[in-house]
Amino acid sequence: DTVPFALWSAAHHLDSLTDALWTTAEGLGDVDTTCAITGGVVAARTGLAGVPKEWLARREPLPAWVAEAAAEEPSQNGS
């Protein structure tokens, strides 16, 4: 049940990481696992731009390669 629910939640909120994670968490069950799966799927689509700025401000510093990878990320319009 975990993977199908996580994928369903991601599919219904592909453009909003926040909405996807709240929907997933409200489904109860194995919340940490379902949110990890859902978050990974949605973040693969949105990239770091999809993470709310408030969340980024409260996190631990990420390694330098993360910023480098984000700078190399292709645009959403395919160019």
PDB file of N, CA and C in Angstrom:
ATOM      1  N   ASP A   1       0.806  -1.205   0.000  1.00  0.00           N
ATOM      2  CA  ASP A   1       0.000   0.000   0.000  1.00  0.00           C
ATOM      3  C   ASP A   1       0.847   1.266   0.000  1.00  0.00           C
ATOM      4  N   THR A   2       2.062   1.188   0.542  1.00  0.00           N
ATOM      5  CA  THR A   2       2.905   2.374   0.690  1.00  0.00           C
ATOM      6  C   THR A   2       3.254   3.010  -0.647  1.00  0.00           C
ATOM      7  N   VAL A   3       3.833   2.238  -1.545  1.00  0.00           N
ATOM      8  CA  VAL A   3       4.292   2.796  -2.825  1.00  0.00           C
ATOM      9  C   VAL A   3       3.122   3.279  -3.682  1.00  0.00           C
ATOM     10  N   PRO A   4       2.058   2.495  -3.858  1.00  0.00           N
ATOM     11  CA  PRO A   4       0.941   3.010  -4.659  1.00  0.00           C
ATOM     12  C   PRO A   4       0.362   4.319  -4.110  1.00  0.00           C
ATOM     13  N   PHE A   5       0.214   4.412  -2.785  1.00  0.00           N
ATOM     14  CA  PHE A   5      -0.324   5.646  -2.207  1.00  0.00           C
ATOM     15  C   PHE A   5       0.630   6.810  -2.426  1.00  0.00           C
ATOM     16  N   ALA A   6       1.922   6.593  -2.228  1.00  0.00           N
ATOM     17  CA  ALA A   6       2.904   7.664  -2.421  1.00  0.00           C
ATOM     18  C   ALA A   6       2.904   8.148  -3.865  1.00  0.00           C
ATOM     19  N   LEU A   7       2.833   7.226  -4.805  1.00  0.00           N
ATOM     20  CA  LEU A   7       2.814   7.612  -6.218  1.00  0.00           C
ATOM     21  C   LEU A   7       1.513   8.322  -6.587  1.00  0.00           C
ATOM     22  N   TRP A   8       0.402   7.876  -6.025  1.00  0.00           N
ATOM     23  CA  TRP A   8      -0.877   8.552  -6.259  1.00  0.00           C
ATOM     24  C   TRP A   8      -0.807   9.990  -5.755  1.00  0.00           C
ATOM     25  N   SER A   9      -0.289  10.157  -4.554  1.00  0.00           N
ATOM     26  CA  SER A   9      -0.188  11.489  -3.962  1.00  0.00           C
ATOM     27  C   SER A   9       0.717  12.391  -4.793  1.00  0.00           C
ATOM     28  N   ALA A  10       1.845  11.861  -5.236  1.00  0.00           N
ATOM     29  CA  ALA A  10       2.764  12.641  -6.075  1.00  0.00           C
ATOM     30  C   ALA A  10       2.100  13.022  -7.392  1.00  0.00           C
ATOM     31  N   ALA A  11       1.408  12.077  -8.004  1.00  0.00           N
ATOM     32  CA  ALA A  11       0.775  12.332  -9.302  1.00  0.00           C
ATOM     33  C   ALA A  11      -0.291  13.418  -9.217  1.00  0.00           C
ATOM     34  N   HIS A  12      -0.939  13.523  -8.080  1.00  0.00           N
ATOM     35  CA  HIS A  12      -1.989  14.527  -7.920  1.00  0.00           C
ATOM     36  C   HIS A  12      -1.450  15.904  -7.528  1.00  0.00           C
ATOM     37  N   HIS A  13      -0.158  15.985  -7.213  1.00  0.00           N
ATOM     38  CA  HIS A  13       0.427  17.263  -6.778  1.00  0.00           C
ATOM     39  C   HIS A  13       1.827  17.438  -7.363  1.00  0.00           C
ATOM     40  N   LEU A  14       2.009  17.113  -8.625  1.00  0.00           N
ATOM     41  CA  LEU A  14       3.341  17.146  -9.239  1.00  0.00           C
ATOM     42  C   LEU A  14       4.001  18.515  -9.222  1.00  0.00           C
ATOM     43  N   ASP A  15       3.238  19.574  -9.149  1.00  0.00           N
ATOM     44  CA  ASP A  15       3.816  20.912  -9.196  1.00  0.00           C
ATOM     45  C   ASP A  15       3.890  21.597  -7.843  1.00  0.00           C
ATOM     46  N   SER A  16       3.521  20.891  -6.773  1.00  0.00           N
ATOM     47  CA  SER A  16       3.552  21.502  -5.444  1.00  0.00           C
ATOM     48  C   SER A  16       4.067  20.501  -4.414  1.00  0.00           C
ATOM     49  N   LEU A  17       5.321  20.663  -4.036  1.00  0.00           N
ATOM     50  CA  LEU A  17       5.913  19.777  -3.034  1.00  0.00           C
ATOM     51  C   LEU A  17       5.165  19.881  -1.713  1.00  0.00           C
ATOM     52  N   THR A  18       4.822  21.090  -1.319  1.00  0.00           N
ATOM     53  CA  THR A  18       4.110  21.291  -0.055  1.00  0.00           C
ATOM     54  C   THR A  18       2.773  20.555  -0.047  1.00  0.00           C
ATOM     55  N   ASP A  19       1.977  20.746  -1.083  1.00  0.00           N
ATOM     56  CA  ASP A  19       0.674  20.070  -1.151  1.00  0.00           C
ATOM     57  C   ASP A  19       0.838  18.558  -1.194  1.00  0.00           C
ATOM     58  N   ALA A  20       1.825  18.101  -1.936  1.00  0.00           N
ATOM     59  CA  ALA A  20       2.058  16.659  -2.040  1.00  0.00           C
ATOM     60  C   ALA A  20       2.399  16.057  -0.682  1.00  0.00           C
ATOM     61  N   LEU A  21       3.272  16.720   0.059  1.00  0.00           N
ATOM     62  CA  LEU A  21       3.683  16.174   1.356  1.00  0.00           C
ATOM     63  C   LEU A  21       2.566  16.257   2.388  1.00  0.00           C
ATOM     64  N   TRP A  22       1.787  17.337   2.392  1.00  0.00           N
ATOM     65  CA  TRP A  22       0.672  17.424   3.332  1.00  0.00           C
ATOM     66  C   TRP A  22      -0.380  16.362   3.039  1.00  0.00           C
ATOM     67  N   THR A  23      -0.695  16.176   1.780  1.00  0.00           N
ATOM     68  CA  THR A  23      -1.666  15.147   1.404  1.00  0.00           C
ATOM     69  C   THR A  23      -1.172  13.774   1.839  1.00  0.00           C
ATOM     70  N   THR A  24       0.099  13.521   1.622  1.00  0.00           N
ATOM     71  CA  THR A  24       0.678  12.230   1.984  1.00  0.00           C
ATOM     72  C   THR A  24       0.668  12.032   3.495  1.00  0.00           C
ATOM     73  N   ALA A  25       1.070  13.050   4.237  1.00  0.00           N
ATOM     74  CA  ALA A  25       1.105  12.940   5.701  1.00  0.00           C
ATOM     75  C   ALA A  25      -0.291  12.733   6.279  1.00  0.00           C
ATOM     76  N   GLU A  26      -1.286  13.365   5.685  1.00  0.00           N
ATOM     77  CA  GLU A  26      -2.659  13.211   6.165  1.00  0.00           C
ATOM     78  C   GLU A  26      -3.205  11.811   5.915  1.00  0.00           C
ATOM     79  N   GLY A  27      -2.548  11.058   5.038  1.00  0.00           N
ATOM     80  CA  GLY A  27      -2.968   9.688   4.767  1.00  0.00           C
ATOM     81  C   GLY A  27      -2.572   8.718   5.862  1.00  0.00           C
ATOM     82  N   LEU A  28      -1.789   9.212   6.822  1.00  0.00           N
ATOM     83  CA  LEU A  28      -1.309   8.410   7.954  1.00  0.00           C
ATOM     84  C   LEU A  28      -0.497   7.215   7.460  1.00  0.00           C
ATOM     85  N   GLY A  29      -0.508   6.121   8.181  1.00  0.00           N
ATOM     86  CA  GLY A  29       0.304   4.967   7.800  1.00  0.00           C
ATOM     87  C   GLY A  29       1.779   5.225   8.063  1.00  0.00           C
ATOM     88  N   ASP A  30       2.616   4.737   7.191  1.00  0.00           N
ATOM     89  CA  ASP A  30       4.071   4.853   7.309  1.00  0.00           C
ATOM     90  C   ASP A  30       4.500   6.208   6.742  1.00  0.00           C
ATOM     91  N   VAL A  31       4.197   7.274   7.478  1.00  0.00           N
ATOM     92  CA  VAL A  31       4.309   8.645   6.977  1.00  0.00           C
ATOM     93  C   VAL A  31       5.715   8.999   6.513  1.00  0.00           C
ATOM     94  N   ASP A  32       6.743   8.611   7.263  1.00  0.00           N
ATOM     95  CA  ASP A  32       8.095   9.002   6.850  1.00  0.00           C
ATOM     96  C   ASP A  32       8.474   8.371   5.517  1.00  0.00           C
ATOM     97  N   THR A  33       8.088   7.135   5.308  1.00  0.00           N
ATOM     98  CA  THR A  33       8.412   6.455   4.051  1.00  0.00           C
ATOM     99  C   THR A  33       7.583   6.993   2.895  1.00  0.00           C
ATOM    100  N   THR A  34       6.277   7.153   3.102  1.00  0.00           N
ATOM    101  CA  THR A  34       5.443   7.654   2.010  1.00  0.00           C
ATOM    102  C   THR A  34       5.826   9.081   1.636  1.00  0.00           C
ATOM    103  N   CYS A  35       6.157   9.909   2.612  1.00  0.00           N
ATOM    104  CA  CYS A  35       6.581  11.281   2.310  1.00  0.00           C
ATOM    105  C   CYS A  35       7.933  11.300   1.601  1.00  0.00           C
ATOM    106  N   ALA A  36       8.830  10.395   1.964  1.00  0.00           N
ATOM    107  CA  ALA A  36      10.126  10.329   1.283  1.00  0.00           C
ATOM    108  C   ALA A  36       9.944   9.962  -0.188  1.00  0.00           C
ATOM    109  N   ILE A  37       9.092   8.993  -0.452  1.00  0.00           N
ATOM    110  CA  ILE A  37       8.843   8.579  -1.842  1.00  0.00           C
ATOM    111  C   ILE A  37       8.154   9.707  -2.611  1.00  0.00           C
ATOM    112  N   THR A  38       7.089  10.238  -2.033  1.00  0.00           N
ATOM    113  CA  THR A  38       6.345  11.318  -2.687  1.00  0.00           C
ATOM    114  C   THR A  38       7.242  12.525  -2.927  1.00  0.00           C
ATOM    115  N   GLY A  39       7.988  12.912  -1.915  1.00  0.00           N
ATOM    116  CA  GLY A  39       8.881  14.061  -2.043  1.00  0.00           C
ATOM    117  C   GLY A  39       9.932  13.862  -3.114  1.00  0.00           C
ATOM    118  N   GLY A  40      10.467  12.658  -3.205  1.00  0.00           N
ATOM    119  CA  GLY A  40      11.464  12.372  -4.235  1.00  0.00           C
ATOM    120  C   GLY A  40      10.899  12.489  -5.631  1.00  0.00           C
ATOM    121  N   VAL A  41       9.690  11.982  -5.823  1.00  0.00           N
ATOM    122  CA  VAL A  41       9.055  12.043  -7.146  1.00  0.00           C
ATOM    123  C   VAL A  41       8.746  13.493  -7.524  1.00  0.00           C
ATOM    124  N   VAL A  42       8.133  14.231  -6.607  1.00  0.00           N
ATOM    125  CA  VAL A  42       7.768  15.619  -6.910  1.00  0.00           C
ATOM    126  C   VAL A  42       9.019  16.480  -7.082  1.00  0.00           C
ATOM    127  N   ALA A  43      10.025  16.280  -6.241  1.00  0.00           N
ATOM    128  CA  ALA A  43      11.259  17.066  -6.355  1.00  0.00           C
ATOM    129  C   ALA A  43      12.005  16.762  -7.649  1.00  0.00           C
ATOM    130  N   ALA A  44      11.865  15.549  -8.158  1.00  0.00           N
ATOM    131  CA  ALA A  44      12.484  15.230  -9.447  1.00  0.00           C
ATOM    132  C   ALA A  44      11.873  16.085 -10.553  1.00  0.00           C
ATOM    133  N   ARG A  45      10.633  16.451 -10.390  1.00  0.00           N
ATOM    134  CA  ARG A  45       9.969  17.314 -11.382  1.00  0.00           C
ATOM    135  C   ARG A  45      10.269  18.791 -11.133  1.00  0.00           C
ATOM    136  N   THR A  46      10.171  19.241  -9.884  1.00  0.00           N
ATOM    137  CA  THR A  46      10.278  20.671  -9.589  1.00  0.00           C
ATOM    138  C   THR A  46      11.705  21.143  -9.347  1.00  0.00           C
ATOM    139  N   GLY A  47      12.594  20.237  -8.951  1.00  0.00           N
ATOM    140  CA  GLY A  47      13.949  20.651  -8.588  1.00  0.00           C
ATOM    141  C   GLY A  47      13.937  21.454  -7.296  1.00  0.00           C
ATOM    142  N   LEU A  48      15.054  22.083  -6.977  1.00  0.00           N
ATOM    143  CA  LEU A  48      15.142  22.872  -5.748  1.00  0.00           C
ATOM    144  C   LEU A  48      14.186  24.057  -5.758  1.00  0.00           C
ATOM    145  N   ALA A  49      13.803  24.511  -6.929  1.00  0.00           N
ATOM    146  CA  ALA A  49      12.866  25.635  -7.020  1.00  0.00           C
ATOM    147  C   ALA A  49      11.515  25.287  -6.411  1.00  0.00           C
ATOM    148  N   GLY A  50      11.198  24.008  -6.314  1.00  0.00           N
ATOM    149  CA  GLY A  50       9.927  23.588  -5.746  1.00  0.00           C
ATOM    150  C   GLY A  50       9.912  23.525  -4.231  1.00  0.00           C
ATOM    151  N   VAL A  51      11.083  23.656  -3.617  1.00  0.00           N
ATOM    152  CA  VAL A  51      11.172  23.614  -2.155  1.00  0.00           C
ATOM    153  C   VAL A  51      10.891  25.020  -1.622  1.00  0.00           C
ATOM    154  N   PRO A  52       9.931  25.168  -0.709  1.00  0.00           N
ATOM    155  CA  PRO A  52       9.628  26.497  -0.174  1.00  0.00           C
ATOM    156  C   PRO A  52      10.866  27.160   0.431  1.00  0.00           C
ATOM    157  N   LYS A  53      11.004  28.462   0.197  1.00  0.00           N
ATOM    158  CA  LYS A  53      12.163  29.205   0.696  1.00  0.00           C
ATOM    159  C   LYS A  53      12.290  29.110   2.215  1.00  0.00           C
ATOM    160  N   GLU A  54      11.147  29.073   2.920  1.00  0.00           N
ATOM    161  CA  GLU A  54      11.185  28.961   4.386  1.00  0.00           C
ATOM    162  C   GLU A  54      11.829  27.643   4.813  1.00  0.00           C
ATOM    163  N   TRP A  55      11.560  26.572   4.070  1.00  0.00           N
ATOM    164  CA  TRP A  55      12.144  25.272   4.386  1.00  0.00           C
ATOM    165  C   TRP A  55      13.648  25.304   4.162  1.00  0.00           C
ATOM    166  N   LEU A  56      14.059  25.926   3.063  1.00  0.00           N
ATOM    167  CA  LEU A  56      15.491  26.010   2.770  1.00  0.00           C
ATOM    168  C   LEU A  56      16.218  26.838   3.823  1.00  0.00           C
ATOM    169  N   ALA A  57      15.575  27.885   4.332  1.00  0.00           N
ATOM    170  CA  ALA A  57      16.196  28.741   5.340  1.00  0.00           C
ATOM    171  C   ALA A  57      16.412  28.001   6.658  1.00  0.00           C
ATOM    172  N   ARG A  58      15.622  26.980   6.929  1.00  0.00           N
ATOM    173  CA  ARG A  58      15.708  26.255   8.205  1.00  0.00           C
ATOM    174  C   ARG A  58      16.547  24.983   8.138  1.00  0.00           C
ATOM    175  N   ARG A  59      17.075  24.671   7.008  1.00  0.00           N
ATOM    176  CA  ARG A  59      17.813  23.419   6.846  1.00  0.00           C
ATOM    177  C   ARG A  59      19.285  23.585   7.196  1.00  0.00           C
ATOM    178  N   GLU A  60      19.937  22.457   7.341  1.00  0.00           N
ATOM    179  CA  GLU A  60      21.389  22.464   7.497  1.00  0.00           C
ATOM    180  C   GLU A  60      21.998  22.825   6.149  1.00  0.00           C
ATOM    181  N   PRO A  61      23.186  23.421   6.160  1.00  0.00           N
ATOM    182  CA  PRO A  61      23.825  23.741   4.877  1.00  0.00           C
ATOM    183  C   PRO A  61      24.054  22.470   4.055  1.00  0.00           C
ATOM    184  N   LEU A  62      23.810  22.580   2.758  1.00  0.00           N
ATOM    185  CA  LEU A  62      24.033  21.456   1.856  1.00  0.00           C
ATOM    186  C   LEU A  62      25.445  21.528   1.290  1.00  0.00           C
ATOM    187  N   PRO A  63      25.992  20.395   0.862  1.00  0.00           N
ATOM    188  CA  PRO A  63      27.315  20.411   0.239  1.00  0.00           C
ATOM    189  C   PRO A  63      27.310  21.290  -1.017  1.00  0.00           C
ATOM    190  N   ALA A  64      28.459  21.806  -1.380  1.00  0.00           N
ATOM    191  CA  ALA A  64      28.584  22.716  -2.523  1.00  0.00           C
ATOM    192  C   ALA A  64      28.080  22.091  -3.817  1.00  0.00           C
ATOM    193  N   TRP A  65      28.236  20.769  -3.978  1.00  0.00           N
ATOM    194  CA  TRP A  65      27.830  20.140  -5.234  1.00  0.00           C
ATOM    195  C   TRP A  65      26.328  20.248  -5.476  1.00  0.00           C
ATOM    196  N   VAL A  66      25.532  20.422  -4.424  1.00  0.00           N
ATOM    197  CA  VAL A  66      24.087  20.542  -4.599  1.00  0.00           C
ATOM    198  C   VAL A  66      23.756  21.848  -5.331  1.00  0.00           C
ATOM    199  N   ALA A  67      24.387  22.938  -4.918  1.00  0.00           N
ATOM    200  CA  ALA A  67      24.162  24.220  -5.590  1.00  0.00           C
ATOM    201  C   ALA A  67      24.656  24.160  -7.030  1.00  0.00           C
ATOM    202  N   GLU A  68      25.775  23.488  -7.240  1.00  0.00           N
ATOM    203  CA  GLU A  68      26.311  23.344  -8.596  1.00  0.00           C
ATOM    204  C   GLU A  68      25.341  22.549  -9.472  1.00  0.00           C
ATOM    205  N   ALA A  69      24.787  21.482  -8.924  1.00  0.00           N
ATOM    206  CA  ALA A  69      23.839  20.660  -9.680  1.00  0.00           C
ATOM    207  C   ALA A  69      22.570  21.449  -9.990  1.00  0.00           C
ATOM    208  N   ALA A  70      22.118  22.262  -9.040  1.00  0.00           N
ATOM    209  CA  ALA A  70      20.914  23.067  -9.258  1.00  0.00           C
ATOM    210  C   ALA A  70      21.143  24.095 -10.359  1.00  0.00           C
ATOM    211  N   ALA A  71      22.343  24.638 -10.432  1.00  0.00           N
ATOM    212  CA  ALA A  71      22.656  25.629 -11.465  1.00  0.00           C
ATOM    213  C   ALA A  71      22.671  24.997 -12.855  1.00  0.00           C
ATOM    214  N   GLU A  72      22.982  23.711 -12.915  1.00  0.00           N
ATOM    215  CA  GLU A  72      23.042  22.996 -14.188  1.00  0.00           C
ATOM    216  C   GLU A  72      21.700  22.404 -14.595  1.00  0.00           C
ATOM    217  N   GLU A  73      20.704  22.485 -13.719  1.00  0.00           N
ATOM    218  CA  GLU A  73      19.394  21.881 -13.951  1.00  0.00           C
ATOM    219  C   GLU A  73      18.737  22.480 -15.191  1.00  0.00           C
ATOM    220  N   PRO A  74      18.250  21.634 -16.107  1.00  0.00           N
ATOM    221  CA  PRO A  74      17.574  22.170 -17.295  1.00  0.00           C
ATOM    222  C   PRO A  74      16.288  22.889 -16.906  1.00  0.00           C
ATOM    223  N   SER A  75      15.900  23.849 -17.703  1.00  0.00           N
ATOM    224  CA  SER A  75      14.678  24.595 -17.405  1.00  0.00           C
ATOM    225  C   SER A  75      13.458  23.704 -17.606  1.00  0.00           C
ATOM    226  N   GLN A  76      12.337  24.097 -17.017  1.00  0.00           N
ATOM    227  CA  GLN A  76      11.098  23.326 -17.104  1.00  0.00           C
ATOM    228  C   GLN A  76      10.484  23.364 -18.503  1.00  0.00           C
ATOM    229  N   ASN A  77      10.884  24.333 -19.335  1.00  0.00           N
ATOM    230  CA  ASN A  77      10.274  24.431 -20.657  1.00  0.00           C
ATOM    231  C   ASN A  77      11.038  23.651 -21.719  1.00  0.00           C
ATOM    232  N   GLY A  78      12.023  22.864 -21.289  1.00  0.00           N
ATOM    233  CA  GLY A  78      12.734  21.985 -22.205  1.00  0.00           C
ATOM    234  C   GLY A  78      13.920  22.608 -22.902  1.00  0.00           C
ATOM    235  N   SER A  79      14.251  23.857 -22.612  1.00  0.00           N
ATOM    236  CA  SER A  79      15.398  24.487 -23.268  1.00  0.00           C
ATOM    237  C   SER A  79      16.643  24.392 -22.428  1.00  0.00           C
TER     238      SER A  79
END
